[in-house]
Amino acid sequence: MFNQRHFWLGFCLHNWMLGGG
């Protein structure tokens, strides 16, 4: 099982960037 936190951080960052900051 991979690091879930790493995945969540990447997911949040992606959404944040898509939202335009």
C-alpha atoms as a PDB file:
ATOM      1  CA  MET A   1       0.000   0.000   0.000  1.00  0.00           C
ATOM      2  CA  PHE A   2       1.528   3.269  -1.168  1.00  0.00           C
ATOM      3  CA  ASN A   3       1.622   6.502   0.820  1.00  0.00           C
ATOM      4  CA  GLN A   4      -1.945   7.802   0.818  1.00  0.00           C
ATOM      5  CA  ARG A   5      -0.833  11.236   2.047  1.00  0.00           C
ATOM      6  CA  HIS A   6       1.411  11.686  -0.991  1.00  0.00           C
ATOM      7  CA  PHE A   7      -1.525  10.865  -3.269  1.00  0.00           C
ATOM      8  CA  TRP A   8      -3.846  13.232  -1.385  1.00  0.00           C
ATOM      9  CA  LEU A   9      -1.305  16.074  -1.547  1.00  0.00           C
ATOM     10  CA  GLY A  10      -0.938  15.613  -5.299  1.00  0.00           C
ATOM     11  CA  PHE A  11      -4.720  15.477  -5.715  1.00  0.00           C
ATOM     12  CA  CYS A  12      -5.250  18.680  -3.714  1.00  0.00           C
ATOM     13  CA  LEU A  13      -2.440  20.452  -5.569  1.00  0.00           C
ATOM     14  CA  HIS A  14      -3.921  19.429  -8.926  1.00  0.00           C
ATOM     15  CA  ASN A  15      -7.372  20.737  -7.967  1.00  0.00           C
ATOM     16  CA  TRP A  16      -5.835  23.944  -6.590  1.00  0.00           C
ATOM     17  CA  MET A  17      -3.951  24.541  -9.845  1.00  0.00           C
ATOM     18  CA  LEU A  18      -7.050  23.752 -11.924  1.00  0.00           C
ATOM     19  CA  GLY A  19      -9.050  26.173  -9.795  1.00  0.00           C
ATOM     20  CA  GLY A  20      -6.584  28.926 -10.693  1.00  0.00           C
ATOM     21  CA  GLY A  21      -5.121  29.280  -7.187  1.00  0.00           C
END
